[in-house]
Amino acid sequence: MIQSRYLIRLDDACHTMDLAKWEQLETVFKEFGIRPIVGVIPNNRDKDFFLRPALSDSQFWNRIKDWRQAGWDIAMHGYEHILIPTGARSLVNLNARTEFAGLPYGVQEEKIRKGWEIFRAQGIEPKIWIAPAHSFDNETLRALANMTSIRIVSDTFAFGTYGCNGFSFIPQQLWKFVFFKRGTWTICLHPNSMNDKDFDRLYDALAKHHELFISVSDLDMRSRPRSLFEKIIERFWFNKGLIHSISRAKRSILCLFRS
């Protein structure tokens, strides 16, 4: 039987993050050998994340380099994380706010170029893109291809990695610990808003299932296309406007995959 595999993704690392919570995660991940994807906001301006006095540039970026040294995969998480309302269609139909989707190509290119330059100035070249609010479009991908060396995206729904438009996609489908018989699943956590119960659930899940967790280097970045079945499921999985249908569809789908 093919065994399921899991990655953990951490969003919203920034100069004003709740450092104590991130340090708590460092301790847990070190105990269980977890090497997550971590989304770093290069120039945070989102006031929701003004949680602690800002770390100095050297303090913050040295922390990012320490994570990289520990085997964490550094991802570029937008530019400033300032989200605006939008009716534009994203490649992930989840949120009505965006930093990128629907904006003209030139605006998106400038944001990505500036964010990339901040990373490069610190000697870091992220290999992965994470869009704030899961909101990005084909123009975002074009800007990434033109302005950066990033060719991996953490997002969308599928049962495993796939290729599209010159990018490899690592699907990101979950926000809590649910375990299945097969498939590759990414669980997205937001450390800045985690509470004690969230940390307890994390620890319990890793204590029971840590052998199922992998890192990006363990993945086969195949160029296979995403199946029609996966695309159909995605329409239900992420569509908040069909919440009752989603609940029914998820229950049916998860019955096929849950261990």
C-alpha atoms as a PDB file:
ATOM      1  CA  MET A   1       0.000   0.000   0.000  1.00  0.00           C
ATOM      2  CA  ILE A   2       1.258   3.478  -0.883  1.00  0.00           C
ATOM      3  CA  GLN A   3       1.743   5.464   2.294  1.00  0.00           C
ATOM      4  CA  SER A   4       0.679   9.063   2.617  1.00  0.00           C
ATOM      5  CA  ARG A   5       3.262  11.791   3.144  1.00  0.00           C
ATOM      6  CA  TYR A   6       3.018  15.209   4.776  1.00  0.00           C
ATOM      7  CA  LEU A   7       4.744  18.558   4.737  1.00  0.00           C
ATOM      8  CA  ILE A   8       4.254  21.427   7.159  1.00  0.00           C
ATOM      9  CA  ARG A   9       4.134  24.978   5.865  1.00  0.00           C
ATOM     10  CA  LEU A  10       4.528  27.993   8.144  1.00  0.00           C
ATOM     11  CA  ASP A  11       3.219  31.347   6.923  1.00  0.00           C
ATOM     12  CA  ASP A  12       3.986  34.958   7.827  1.00  0.00           C
ATOM     13  CA  ALA A  13       7.536  35.056   9.167  1.00  0.00           C
ATOM     14  CA  CYS A  14       8.446  38.744   9.365  1.00  0.00           C
ATOM     15  CA  HIS A  15      10.389  41.306  11.407  1.00  0.00           C
ATOM     16  CA  THR A  16       7.472  41.802  13.831  1.00  0.00           C
ATOM     17  CA  MET A  17       6.412  38.151  14.214  1.00  0.00           C
ATOM     18  CA  ASP A  18       5.595  36.631  17.603  1.00  0.00           C
ATOM     19  CA  LEU A  19       9.103  35.292  18.095  1.00  0.00           C
ATOM     20  CA  ALA A  20       8.273  33.255  21.203  1.00  0.00           C
ATOM     21  CA  LYS A  21       5.812  31.133  19.220  1.00  0.00           C
ATOM     22  CA  TRP A  22       8.280  30.590  16.404  1.00  0.00           C
ATOM     23  CA  GLU A  23      10.924  29.559  18.927  1.00  0.00           C
ATOM     24  CA  GLN A  24       8.458  27.090  20.427  1.00  0.00           C
ATOM     25  CA  LEU A  25       8.001  25.588  16.968  1.00  0.00           C
ATOM     26  CA  GLU A  26      11.763  25.393  16.507  1.00  0.00           C
ATOM     27  CA  THR A  27      11.998  23.263  19.656  1.00  0.00           C
ATOM     28  CA  VAL A  28       9.190  20.916  18.604  1.00  0.00           C
ATOM     29  CA  PHE A  29      10.498  20.521  15.059  1.00  0.00           C
ATOM     30  CA  LYS A  30      14.010  19.814  16.289  1.00  0.00           C
ATOM     31  CA  GLU A  31      12.672  17.072  18.569  1.00  0.00           C
ATOM     32  CA  PHE A  32      10.851  15.316  15.725  1.00  0.00           C
ATOM     33  CA  GLY A  33      13.186  16.132  12.835  1.00  0.00           C
ATOM     34  CA  ILE A  34      10.642  18.263  10.955  1.00  0.00           C
ATOM     35  CA  ARG A  35      11.908  20.490   8.138  1.00  0.00           C
ATOM     36  CA  PRO A  36       9.022  22.747   7.128  1.00  0.00           C
ATOM     37  CA  ILE A  37       8.453  25.211   4.330  1.00  0.00           C
ATOM     38  CA  VAL A  38       8.496  28.694   5.827  1.00  0.00           C
ATOM     39  CA  GLY A  39       6.901  31.665   4.073  1.00  0.00           C
ATOM     40  CA  VAL A  40       8.933  34.822   4.691  1.00  0.00           C
ATOM     41  CA  ILE A  41       7.430  38.262   4.049  1.00  0.00           C
ATOM     42  CA  PRO A  42      10.424  40.299   2.841  1.00  0.00           C
ATOM     43  CA  ASN A  43       9.010  43.760   3.637  1.00  0.00           C
ATOM     44  CA  ASN A  44       6.005  43.314   5.908  1.00  0.00           C
ATOM     45  CA  ARG A  45       3.519  46.191   6.095  1.00  0.00           C
ATOM     46  CA  ASP A  46       0.525  44.162   7.300  1.00  0.00           C
ATOM     47  CA  LYS A  47      -0.471  45.642  10.672  1.00  0.00           C
ATOM     48  CA  ASP A  48      -2.024  42.327  11.713  1.00  0.00           C
ATOM     49  CA  PHE A  49       1.532  41.083  12.148  1.00  0.00           C
ATOM     50  CA  PHE A  50       2.816  44.018  14.183  1.00  0.00           C
ATOM     51  CA  LEU A  51       2.855  41.702  17.189  1.00  0.00           C
ATOM     52  CA  ARG A  52       6.178  42.455  18.857  1.00  0.00           C
ATOM     53  CA  PRO A  53       8.859  45.144  18.629  1.00  0.00           C
ATOM     54  CA  ALA A  54      10.567  44.715  15.306  1.00  0.00           C
ATOM     55  CA  LEU A  55      13.700  42.627  15.127  1.00  0.00           C
ATOM     56  CA  SER A  56      16.669  44.384  13.597  1.00  0.00           C
ATOM     57  CA  ASP A  57      17.556  43.405  10.045  1.00  0.00           C
ATOM     58  CA  SER A  58      20.496  41.339  11.247  1.00  0.00           C
ATOM     59  CA  GLN A  59      18.445  39.587  13.955  1.00  0.00           C
ATOM     60  CA  PHE A  60      15.666  38.706  11.544  1.00  0.00           C
ATOM     61  CA  TRP A  61      17.713  37.584   8.586  1.00  0.00           C
ATOM     62  CA  ASN A  62      20.141  35.636  10.771  1.00  0.00           C
ATOM     63  CA  ARG A  63      17.116  33.748  12.069  1.00  0.00           C
ATOM     64  CA  ILE A  64      16.069  32.962   8.495  1.00  0.00           C
ATOM     65  CA  LYS A  65      19.596  31.759   7.740  1.00  0.00           C
ATOM     66  CA  ASP A  66      19.543  29.574  10.860  1.00  0.00           C
ATOM     67  CA  TRP A  67      16.322  27.989   9.618  1.00  0.00           C
ATOM     68  CA  ARG A  68      17.871  27.399   6.232  1.00  0.00           C
ATOM     69  CA  GLN A  69      20.894  25.808   7.896  1.00  0.00           C
ATOM     70  CA  ALA A  70      18.528  23.517   9.826  1.00  0.00           C
ATOM     71  CA  GLY A  71      17.027  22.295   6.554  1.00  0.00           C
ATOM     72  CA  TRP A  72      13.920  24.452   6.476  1.00  0.00           C
ATOM     73  CA  ASP A  73      12.840  25.456   2.956  1.00  0.00           C
ATOM     74  CA  ILE A  74      12.644  29.235   2.622  1.00  0.00           C
ATOM     75  CA  ALA A  75       9.769  30.583   0.534  1.00  0.00           C
ATOM     76  CA  MET A  76       9.014  34.082  -0.686  1.00  0.00           C
ATOM     77  CA  HIS A  77       5.641  35.027   0.824  1.00  0.00           C
ATOM     78  CA  GLY A  78       4.626  37.989  -1.287  1.00  0.00           C
ATOM     79  CA  TYR A  79       6.229  41.397  -0.813  1.00  0.00           C
ATOM     80  CA  GLU A  80       4.480  43.558   1.824  1.00  0.00           C
ATOM     81  CA  HIS A  81       1.465  41.317   2.597  1.00  0.00           C
ATOM     82  CA  ILE A  82      -0.907  44.280   2.179  1.00  0.00           C
ATOM     83  CA  LEU A  83      -4.174  42.723   1.044  1.00  0.00           C
ATOM     84  CA  ILE A  84      -6.833  44.606  -0.880  1.00  0.00           C
ATOM     85  CA  PRO A  85     -10.374  43.522  -1.783  1.00  0.00           C
ATOM     86  CA  THR A  86     -10.666  41.995  -5.228  1.00  0.00           C
ATOM     87  CA  GLY A  87     -13.190  40.402  -7.507  1.00  0.00           C
ATOM     88  CA  ALA A  88     -10.425  39.073  -9.722  1.00  0.00           C
ATOM     89  CA  ARG A  89     -10.195  35.341 -10.139  1.00  0.00           C
ATOM     90  CA  SER A  90      -7.198  33.733  -8.513  1.00  0.00           C
ATOM     91  CA  LEU A  91      -5.706  30.385  -9.476  1.00  0.00           C
ATOM     92  CA  VAL A  92      -6.926  29.309  -6.030  1.00  0.00           C
ATOM     93  CA  ASN A  93     -10.548  30.322  -5.497  1.00  0.00           C
ATOM     94  CA  LEU A  94     -10.371  30.856  -1.741  1.00  0.00           C
ATOM     95  CA  ASN A  95     -10.203  34.527  -0.723  1.00  0.00           C
ATOM     96  CA  ALA A  96     -11.589  37.844  -1.945  1.00  0.00           C
ATOM     97  CA  ARG A  97      -8.435  39.701  -0.874  1.00  0.00           C
ATOM     98  CA  THR A  98      -5.112  39.784  -2.644  1.00  0.00           C
ATOM     99  CA  GLU A  99      -1.679  41.331  -2.934  1.00  0.00           C
ATOM    100  CA  PHE A 100      -1.325  40.157  -6.542  1.00  0.00           C
ATOM    101  CA  ALA A 101      -4.267  38.578  -8.386  1.00  0.00           C
ATOM    102  CA  GLY A 102      -5.947  40.912 -10.847  1.00  0.00           C
ATOM    103  CA  LEU A 103      -3.289  43.623 -10.675  1.00  0.00           C
ATOM    104  CA  PRO A 104      -1.586  44.736 -13.924  1.00  0.00           C
ATOM    105  CA  TYR A 105       1.515  42.778 -14.839  1.00  0.00           C
ATOM    106  CA  GLY A 106       3.816  45.771 -14.296  1.00  0.00           C
ATOM    107  CA  VAL A 107       2.597  46.242 -10.716  1.00  0.00           C
ATOM    108  CA  GLN A 108       3.035  42.562  -9.918  1.00  0.00           C
ATOM    109  CA  GLU A 109       6.469  42.512 -11.513  1.00  0.00           C
ATOM    110  CA  GLU A 110       7.633  45.470  -9.426  1.00  0.00           C
ATOM    111  CA  LYS A 111       6.450  43.885  -6.165  1.00  0.00           C
ATOM    112  CA  ILE A 112       8.157  40.604  -6.979  1.00  0.00           C
ATOM    113  CA  ARG A 113      11.345  42.315  -8.123  1.00  0.00           C
ATOM    114  CA  LYS A 114      11.573  44.370  -4.938  1.00  0.00           C
ATOM    115  CA  GLY A 115      10.906  41.369  -2.710  1.00  0.00           C
ATOM    116  CA  TRP A 116      13.456  39.281  -4.581  1.00  0.00           C
ATOM    117  CA  GLU A 117      16.077  42.013  -4.249  1.00  0.00           C
ATOM    118  CA  ILE A 118      15.596  42.066  -0.463  1.00  0.00           C
ATOM    119  CA  PHE A 119      16.259  38.340  -0.269  1.00  0.00           C
ATOM    120  CA  ARG A 120      19.241  38.560  -2.604  1.00  0.00           C
ATOM    121  CA  ALA A 121      20.751  41.375  -0.546  1.00  0.00           C
ATOM    122  CA  GLN A 122      20.779  38.942   2.384  1.00  0.00           C
ATOM    123  CA  GLY A 123      22.391  36.158   0.356  1.00  0.00           C
ATOM    124  CA  ILE A 124      19.183  34.119   0.204  1.00  0.00           C
ATOM    125  CA  GLU A 125      17.475  32.821  -2.949  1.00  0.00           C
ATOM    126  CA  PRO A 126      14.090  31.328  -2.084  1.00  0.00           C
ATOM    127  CA  LYS A 127      13.128  28.349  -4.218  1.00  0.00           C
ATOM    128  CA  ILE A 128       9.400  28.464  -3.445  1.00  0.00           C
ATOM    129  CA  TRP A 129       6.570  30.980  -3.915  1.00  0.00           C
ATOM    130  CA  ILE A 130       3.696  31.363  -1.433  1.00  0.00           C
ATOM    131  CA  ALA A 131       1.044  33.914  -2.366  1.00  0.00           C
ATOM    132  CA  PRO A 132      -0.522  35.905   0.492  1.00  0.00           C
ATOM    133  CA  ALA A 133      -4.140  34.803   0.953  1.00  0.00           C
ATOM    134  CA  HIS A 134      -3.509  32.055  -1.659  1.00  0.00           C
ATOM    135  CA  SER A 135      -4.313  34.715  -4.244  1.00  0.00           C
ATOM    136  CA  PHE A 136      -2.291  34.830  -7.461  1.00  0.00           C
ATOM    137  CA  ASP A 137      -2.837  34.505 -11.187  1.00  0.00           C
ATOM    138  CA  ASN A 138      -0.968  33.706 -14.386  1.00  0.00           C
ATOM    139  CA  GLU A 139       0.539  37.198 -14.448  1.00  0.00           C
ATOM    140  CA  THR A 140       2.050  36.469 -11.039  1.00  0.00           C
ATOM    141  CA  LEU A 141       3.670  33.349 -12.435  1.00  0.00           C
ATOM    142  CA  ARG A 142       4.952  35.290 -15.441  1.00  0.00           C
ATOM    143  CA  ALA A 143       6.514  37.914 -13.150  1.00  0.00           C
ATOM    144  CA  LEU A 144       8.111  35.190 -11.018  1.00  0.00           C
ATOM    145  CA  ALA A 145       9.553  33.546 -14.124  1.00  0.00           C
ATOM    146  CA  ASN A 146      10.939  36.850 -15.405  1.00  0.00           C
ATOM    147  CA  MET A 147      12.215  38.347 -12.136  1.00  0.00           C
ATOM    148  CA  THR A 148      13.351  35.347 -10.060  1.00  0.00           C
ATOM    149  CA  SER A 149      14.725  31.828 -10.219  1.00  0.00           C
ATOM    150  CA  ILE A 150      11.685  30.501  -8.316  1.00  0.00           C
ATOM    151  CA  ARG A 151      10.034  27.613 -10.131  1.00  0.00           C
ATOM    152  CA  ILE A 152       8.106  25.947  -7.285  1.00  0.00           C
ATOM    153  CA  VAL A 153       4.701  27.058  -5.969  1.00  0.00           C
ATOM    154  CA  SER A 154       3.178  25.906  -2.681  1.00  0.00           C
ATOM    155  CA  ASP A 155      -0.563  25.990  -3.356  1.00  0.00           C
ATOM    156  CA  THR A 156      -3.588  24.526  -5.186  1.00  0.00           C
ATOM    157  CA  PHE A 157      -5.264  21.144  -4.703  1.00  0.00           C
ATOM    158  CA  ALA A 158      -3.929  17.839  -5.981  1.00  0.00           C
ATOM    159  CA  PHE A 159      -2.969  14.460  -4.539  1.00  0.00           C
ATOM    160  CA  GLY A 160       0.695  14.934  -5.389  1.00  0.00           C
ATOM    161  CA  THR A 161       3.157  17.256  -7.083  1.00  0.00           C
ATOM    162  CA  TYR A 162       2.512  18.263 -10.681  1.00  0.00           C
ATOM    163  CA  GLY A 163       3.790  20.627 -13.356  1.00  0.00           C
ATOM    164  CA  CYS A 164       2.086  23.532 -15.127  1.00  0.00           C
ATOM    165  CA  ASN A 165       3.292  26.589 -17.086  1.00  0.00           C
ATOM    166  CA  GLY A 166       6.933  25.881 -16.322  1.00  0.00           C
ATOM    167  CA  PHE A 167       6.360  25.594 -12.551  1.00  0.00           C
ATOM    168  CA  SER A 168       6.233  22.640 -10.197  1.00  0.00           C
ATOM    169  CA  PHE A 169       3.314  22.769  -7.777  1.00  0.00           C
ATOM    170  CA  ILE A 170       3.349  21.341  -4.270  1.00  0.00           C
ATOM    171  CA  PRO A 171      -0.347  21.246  -3.370  1.00  0.00           C
ATOM    172  CA  GLN A 172      -1.432  22.825  -0.086  1.00  0.00           C
ATOM    173  CA  GLN A 173      -4.745  21.378   0.988  1.00  0.00           C
ATOM    174  CA  LEU A 174      -5.011  21.353   4.793  1.00  0.00           C
ATOM    175  CA  TRP A 175      -4.945  23.670   7.805  1.00  0.00           C
ATOM    176  CA  LYS A 176      -5.204  21.012  10.491  1.00  0.00           C
ATOM    177  CA  PHE A 177      -3.844  17.530  11.069  1.00  0.00           C
ATOM    178  CA  VAL A 178      -5.923  14.965   9.183  1.00  0.00           C
ATOM    179  CA  PHE A 179      -4.279  11.720   8.129  1.00  0.00           C
ATOM    180  CA  PHE A 180      -5.037   9.702   4.997  1.00  0.00           C
ATOM    181  CA  LYS A 181      -4.100   6.402   3.400  1.00  0.00           C
ATOM    182  CA  ARG A 182      -2.269   7.916   0.431  1.00  0.00           C
ATOM    183  CA  GLY A 183      -1.318  11.153  -1.264  1.00  0.00           C
ATOM    184  CA  THR A 184       1.037  14.036  -0.520  1.00  0.00           C
ATOM    185  CA  TRP A 185      -0.507  16.649   1.777  1.00  0.00           C
ATOM    186  CA  THR A 186       0.696  20.051   2.977  1.00  0.00           C
ATOM    187  CA  ILE A 187      -0.628  21.357   6.289  1.00  0.00           C
ATOM    188  CA  CYS A 188      -0.446  25.141   6.566  1.00  0.00           C
ATOM    189  CA  LEU A 189       0.032  26.672  10.021  1.00  0.00           C
ATOM    190  CA  HIS A 190       0.063  30.324  11.040  1.00  0.00           C
ATOM    191  CA  PRO A 191       2.438  30.491  14.022  1.00  0.00           C
ATOM    192  CA  ASN A 192       1.652  34.107  14.916  1.00  0.00           C
ATOM    193  CA  SER A 193      -1.944  33.197  15.785  1.00  0.00           C
ATOM    194  CA  MET A 194      -1.399  29.747  17.302  1.00  0.00           C
ATOM    195  CA  ASN A 195      -2.574  29.190  20.877  1.00  0.00           C
ATOM    196  CA  ASP A 196      -1.743  26.571  23.501  1.00  0.00           C
ATOM    197  CA  LYS A 197      -4.335  24.123  22.157  1.00  0.00           C
ATOM    198  CA  ASP A 198      -2.871  24.461  18.665  1.00  0.00           C
ATOM    199  CA  PHE A 199       0.589  23.646  19.986  1.00  0.00           C
ATOM    200  CA  ASP A 200      -0.802  20.657  21.896  1.00  0.00           C
ATOM    201  CA  ARG A 201      -2.452  19.332  18.731  1.00  0.00           C
ATOM    202  CA  LEU A 202       0.764  19.828  16.794  1.00  0.00           C
ATOM    203  CA  TYR A 203       2.835  17.979  19.375  1.00  0.00           C
ATOM    204  CA  ASP A 204       0.350  15.104  19.615  1.00  0.00           C
ATOM    205  CA  ALA A 205       0.189  14.732  15.830  1.00  0.00           C
ATOM    206  CA  LEU A 206       3.969  14.667  15.462  1.00  0.00           C
ATOM    207  CA  ALA A 207       4.411  12.303  18.396  1.00  0.00           C
ATOM    208  CA  LYS A 208       2.082   9.808  16.705  1.00  0.00           C
ATOM    209  CA  HIS A 209       2.914  10.354  13.022  1.00  0.00           C
ATOM    210  CA  HIS A 210       6.297  12.106  12.726  1.00  0.00           C
ATOM    211  CA  GLU A 211       7.606   9.322  10.485  1.00  0.00           C
ATOM    212  CA  LEU A 212       5.120  10.400   7.794  1.00  0.00           C
ATOM    213  CA  PHE A 213       6.533  13.925   7.526  1.00  0.00           C
ATOM    214  CA  ILE A 214       8.977  14.829   4.781  1.00  0.00           C
ATOM    215  CA  SER A 215      10.617  17.949   3.378  1.00  0.00           C
ATOM    216  CA  VAL A 216      10.659  19.426  -0.111  1.00  0.00           C
ATOM    217  CA  SER A 217      13.933  17.650  -0.935  1.00  0.00           C
ATOM    218  CA  ASP A 218      12.113  14.319  -0.529  1.00  0.00           C
ATOM    219  CA  LEU A 219       9.576  15.146  -3.234  1.00  0.00           C
ATOM    220  CA  ASP A 220       9.646  14.005  -6.838  1.00  0.00           C
ATOM    221  CA  MET A 221       9.004  17.229  -8.767  1.00  0.00           C
ATOM    222  CA  ARG A 222       7.345  15.463 -11.637  1.00  0.00           C
ATOM    223  CA  SER A 223       6.062  17.332 -14.666  1.00  0.00           C
ATOM    224  CA  ARG A 224       2.872  15.273 -14.843  1.00  0.00           C
ATOM    225  CA  PRO A 225      -0.257  17.334 -15.551  1.00  0.00           C
ATOM    226  CA  ARG A 226      -2.919  17.679 -12.925  1.00  0.00           C
ATOM    227  CA  SER A 227      -5.831  15.364 -13.599  1.00  0.00           C
ATOM    228  CA  LEU A 228      -9.353  16.491 -14.411  1.00  0.00           C
ATOM    229  CA  PHE A 229     -10.480  14.710 -11.247  1.00  0.00           C
ATOM    230  CA  GLU A 230      -8.122  16.828  -9.140  1.00  0.00           C
ATOM    231  CA  LYS A 231      -9.294  20.036 -10.815  1.00  0.00           C
ATOM    232  CA  ILE A 232     -12.923  19.165 -10.169  1.00  0.00           C
ATOM    233  CA  ILE A 233     -12.285  18.405  -6.507  1.00  0.00           C
ATOM    234  CA  GLU A 234     -10.417  21.704  -6.123  1.00  0.00           C
ATOM    235  CA  ARG A 235     -13.518  23.656  -7.151  1.00  0.00           C
ATOM    236  CA  PHE A 236     -15.323  22.239  -4.122  1.00  0.00           C
ATOM    237  CA  TRP A 237     -12.364  22.087  -1.741  1.00  0.00           C
ATOM    238  CA  PHE A 238     -11.573  25.812  -1.800  1.00  0.00           C
ATOM    239  CA  ASN A 239     -14.933  27.353  -2.723  1.00  0.00           C
ATOM    240  CA  LYS A 240     -16.292  29.073   0.391  1.00  0.00           C
ATOM    241  CA  GLY A 241     -19.483  29.993  -1.434  1.00  0.00           C
ATOM    242  CA  LEU A 242     -20.475  26.334  -1.574  1.00  0.00           C
ATOM    243  CA  ILE A 243     -19.807  25.562   2.066  1.00  0.00           C
ATOM    244  CA  HIS A 244     -22.517  22.927   2.460  1.00  0.00           C
ATOM    245  CA  SER A 245     -21.535  21.221  -0.772  1.00  0.00           C
ATOM    246  CA  ILE A 246     -17.919  21.387   0.284  1.00  0.00           C
ATOM    247  CA  SER A 247     -18.683  19.700   3.576  1.00  0.00           C
ATOM    248  CA  ARG A 248     -20.496  16.881   1.834  1.00  0.00           C
ATOM    249  CA  ALA A 249     -17.850  16.574  -0.878  1.00  0.00           C
ATOM    250  CA  LYS A 250     -15.007  16.611   1.633  1.00  0.00           C
ATOM    251  CA  ARG A 251     -16.617  13.905   3.712  1.00  0.00           C
ATOM    252  CA  SER A 252     -17.013  11.727   0.626  1.00  0.00           C
ATOM    253  CA  ILE A 253     -13.507  12.414  -0.631  1.00  0.00           C
ATOM    254  CA  LEU A 254     -11.851  11.936   2.750  1.00  0.00           C
ATOM    255  CA  CYS A 255     -13.557   8.576   3.182  1.00  0.00           C
ATOM    256  CA  LEU A 256     -11.501   7.405   0.203  1.00  0.00           C
ATOM    257  CA  PHE A 257      -8.201   8.600   1.639  1.00  0.00           C
ATOM    258  CA  ARG A 258      -8.466   8.602   5.421  1.00  0.00           C
ATOM    259  CA  SER A 259      -6.579   5.845   7.203  1.00  0.00           C
END
